[in-house]
């Protein structure tokens, strides 16, 4: 079992008034950045970068048989403390059943792709920022110390001046038209 360290980040001590989105902007240049954002809804948001393992379904199987976190989410703890973020495409179902193939695969993306992270910034519903980290025992995995050192280089307000404008997702369905 792998021990997970969950610690609150004192954003005033790190850098005067750094926000979760400032942290996301700062780390956005890292490959395989994952931002799971619940902006506008009371919930948790997660920011992970520099995975220690990436790949297809064989990587998922390896991870599930190799790493077990001793700290289970729940009971007032965030629902995600680190591990896999990825996707299974619709076409992945062709491994299990016959599905008509009517579309051209223009993007040529893999049917399954996952990244496994051992360091995650967490924004809780109360606006507090946490760092969840663990040592997966893999060479090249980011360390807690590296993450905290990089956090000291975050510029307060860098998100506000970023090239990325905030946006909102919407839906063309409402309660009256939904089946």
Foldseek 3Di string as FASTA:
>chain_A
DWEKDKFFDPLCVLPNAAAPLLVCVLCVVAPPWDWADPPPDQFKIKIFGDFLDKDFPVRVVVQVVQDDYPDADDPPGHNDQWFKDWDAAPCNCVVPDDDDDDDDPPPPDDRIMIGTAFWMWMQHSVRIIMIMGTDSVGPPHDDPVNSSVSSSVRDHPVSVVDPDDDDDDDDPDDPVPDD
